C-alpha atoms as a PDB file:
ATOM      1  CA  UNK A   1      50.947 -40.736 196.964  1.00  0.00           C
ATOM      2  CA  UNK A   2      52.539 -37.374 197.825  1.00  0.00           C
ATOM      3  CA  UNK A   3      51.247 -34.455 195.799  1.00  0.00           C
ATOM      4  CA  UNK A   4      51.446 -30.679 195.973  1.00  0.00           C
ATOM      5  CA  UNK A   5      47.860 -30.584 197.267  1.00  0.00           C
ATOM      6  CA  UNK A   6      48.593 -33.027 200.084  1.00  0.00           C
ATOM      7  CA  UNK A   7      51.810 -31.216 200.978  1.00  0.00           C
ATOM      8  CA  UNK A   8      49.898 -27.914 201.120  1.00  0.00           C
ATOM      9  CA  UNK A   9      47.211 -29.408 203.362  1.00  0.00           C
ATOM     10  CA  UNK A  10      49.860 -31.000 205.556  1.00  0.00           C
ATOM     11  CA  UNK A  11      51.628 -27.692 205.945  1.00  0.00           C
ATOM     12  CA  UNK A  12      48.378 -26.062 207.038  1.00  0.00           C
ATOM     13  CA  UNK A  13      47.729 -28.802 209.590  1.00  0.00           C
ATOM     14  CA  UNK A  14      51.290 -28.450 210.913  1.00  0.00           C
ATOM     15  CA  UNK A  15      50.955 -24.669 211.118  1.00  0.00           C
ATOM     16  CA  UNK A  16      47.706 -24.798 213.104  1.00  0.00           C
ATOM     17  CA  UNK A  17      49.126 -27.511 215.365  1.00  0.00           C
ATOM     18  CA  UNK A  18      52.231 -25.476 216.167  1.00  0.00           C
ATOM     19  CA  UNK A  19      50.216 -22.258 216.668  1.00  0.00           C
ATOM     20  CA  UNK A  20      48.293 -24.103 219.344  1.00  0.00           C
ATOM     21  CA  UNK A  21      51.432 -25.473 220.989  1.00  0.00           C
ATOM     22  CA  UNK A  22      50.484 -29.081 220.292  1.00  0.00           C
ATOM     23  CA  UNK A  23      52.812 -31.955 219.578  1.00  0.00           C
ATOM     24  CA  UNK A  24      51.876 -34.464 216.909  1.00  0.00           C
ATOM     25  CA  UNK A  25      51.107 -36.873 219.724  1.00  0.00           C
ATOM     26  CA  UNK A  26      48.752 -34.384 221.426  1.00  0.00           C
ATOM     27  CA  UNK A  27      46.959 -33.614 218.160  1.00  0.00           C
ATOM     28  CA  UNK A  28      46.643 -37.315 217.401  1.00  0.00           C
ATOM     29  CA  UNK A  29      45.123 -37.948 220.813  1.00  0.00           C
ATOM     30  CA  UNK A  30      42.698 -35.025 220.509  1.00  0.00           C
ATOM     31  CA  UNK A  31      41.596 -36.165 217.041  1.00  0.00           C
ATOM     32  CA  UNK A  32      41.550 -39.872 217.975  1.00  0.00           C
ATOM     33  CA  UNK A  33      44.210 -40.681 215.370  1.00  0.00           C
ATOM     34  CA  UNK A  34      47.543 -42.466 215.530  1.00  0.00           C
ATOM     35  CA  UNK A  35      50.611 -40.243 215.927  1.00  0.00           C
ATOM     36  CA  UNK A  36      52.229 -41.800 212.836  1.00  0.00           C
ATOM     37  CA  UNK A  37      49.124 -40.989 210.811  1.00  0.00           C
ATOM     38  CA  UNK A  38      49.327 -37.321 211.849  1.00  0.00           C
ATOM     39  CA  UNK A  39      52.994 -37.295 210.866  1.00  0.00           C
ATOM     40  CA  UNK A  40      52.154 -38.722 207.429  1.00  0.00           C
ATOM     41  CA  UNK A  41      49.385 -36.153 206.992  1.00  0.00           C
ATOM     42  CA  UNK A  42      51.762 -33.306 207.774  1.00  0.00           C
ATOM     43  CA  UNK A  43      54.356 -34.520 205.275  1.00  0.00           C
ATOM     44  CA  UNK A  44      51.778 -35.076 202.544  1.00  0.00           C
ATOM     45  CA  UNK A  45      52.276 -38.837 202.520  1.00  0.00           C
ATOM     46  CA  UNK A  46      48.710 -39.605 203.615  1.00  0.00           C
ATOM     47  CA  UNK A  47      45.427 -38.472 202.090  1.00  0.00           C
ATOM     48  CA  UNK A  48      42.751 -37.847 204.732  1.00  0.00           C
ATOM     49  CA  UNK A  49      39.104 -38.667 204.275  1.00  0.00           C
ATOM     50  CA  UNK A  50      36.260 -36.362 205.225  1.00  0.00           C
ATOM     51  CA  UNK A  51      35.853 -37.678 208.767  1.00  0.00           C
ATOM     52  CA  UNK A  52      39.571 -37.344 209.466  1.00  0.00           C
ATOM     53  CA  UNK A  53      39.444 -33.740 208.267  1.00  0.00           C
ATOM     54  CA  UNK A  54      36.465 -33.088 210.535  1.00  0.00           C
ATOM     55  CA  UNK A  55      38.214 -34.703 213.518  1.00  0.00           C
ATOM     56  CA  UNK A  56      41.291 -32.569 212.879  1.00  0.00           C
ATOM     57  CA  UNK A  57      39.116 -29.452 212.666  1.00  0.00           C
ATOM     58  CA  UNK A  58      37.505 -30.295 215.987  1.00  0.00           C
ATOM     59  CA  UNK A  59      40.876 -30.971 217.619  1.00  0.00           C
ATOM     60  CA  UNK A  60      42.423 -27.770 216.215  1.00  0.00           C
ATOM     61  CA  UNK A  61      39.255 -25.711 216.820  1.00  0.00           C
ATOM     62  CA  UNK A  62      39.048 -24.537 213.203  1.00  0.00           C
ATOM     63  CA  UNK A  63      36.399 -24.794 210.527  1.00  0.00           C
ATOM     64  CA  UNK A  64      36.942 -26.988 207.461  1.00  0.00           C
ATOM     65  CA  UNK A  65      37.167 -23.765 205.458  1.00  0.00           C
ATOM     66  CA  UNK A  66      40.057 -22.592 207.606  1.00  0.00           C
ATOM     67  CA  UNK A  67      41.853 -25.889 207.141  1.00  0.00           C
ATOM     68  CA  UNK A  68      41.391 -25.646 203.369  1.00  0.00           C
ATOM     69  CA  UNK A  69      42.026 -21.887 203.092  1.00  0.00           C
ATOM     70  CA  UNK A  70      45.102 -22.402 200.898  1.00  0.00           C
ATOM     71  CA  UNK A  71      42.951 -23.979 198.193  1.00  0.00           C
ATOM     72  CA  UNK A  72      41.771 -20.795 196.512  1.00  0.00           C
ATOM     73  CA  UNK A  73      40.359 -20.971 192.984  1.00  0.00           C
ATOM     74  CA  UNK A  74      43.705 -19.740 191.622  1.00  0.00           C
ATOM     75  CA  UNK A  75      45.623 -22.352 193.619  1.00  0.00           C
ATOM     76  CA  UNK A  76      43.281 -25.102 192.419  1.00  0.00           C
ATOM     77  CA  UNK A  77      43.954 -24.145 188.805  1.00  0.00           C
ATOM     78  CA  UNK A  78      47.689 -24.602 189.361  1.00  0.00           C
ATOM     79  CA  UNK A  79      47.345 -28.002 191.047  1.00  0.00           C
ATOM     80  CA  UNK A  80      47.348 -31.237 189.144  1.00  0.00           C
ATOM     81  CA  UNK A  81      44.347 -33.025 190.591  1.00  0.00           C
ATOM     82  CA  UNK A  82      43.653 -36.638 189.685  1.00  0.00           C
END
């Protein structure tokens, strides 16, 4: 299911996690997710639902807009969205 959009989101999640000095395990615990799920999110192999995004935002102390900042109108035009 990997796509450029999911890889971009995963990279943003990874970046925020590392900025905060968190391991995948620590982020998973803070967001009440499984560590393997966080790993799959970061690699773009898993598509998160709204509540997962909100839990990640809470755990990373960012707004949903910050988590989705890479998805500018120009970037959305370049992505193949199904």
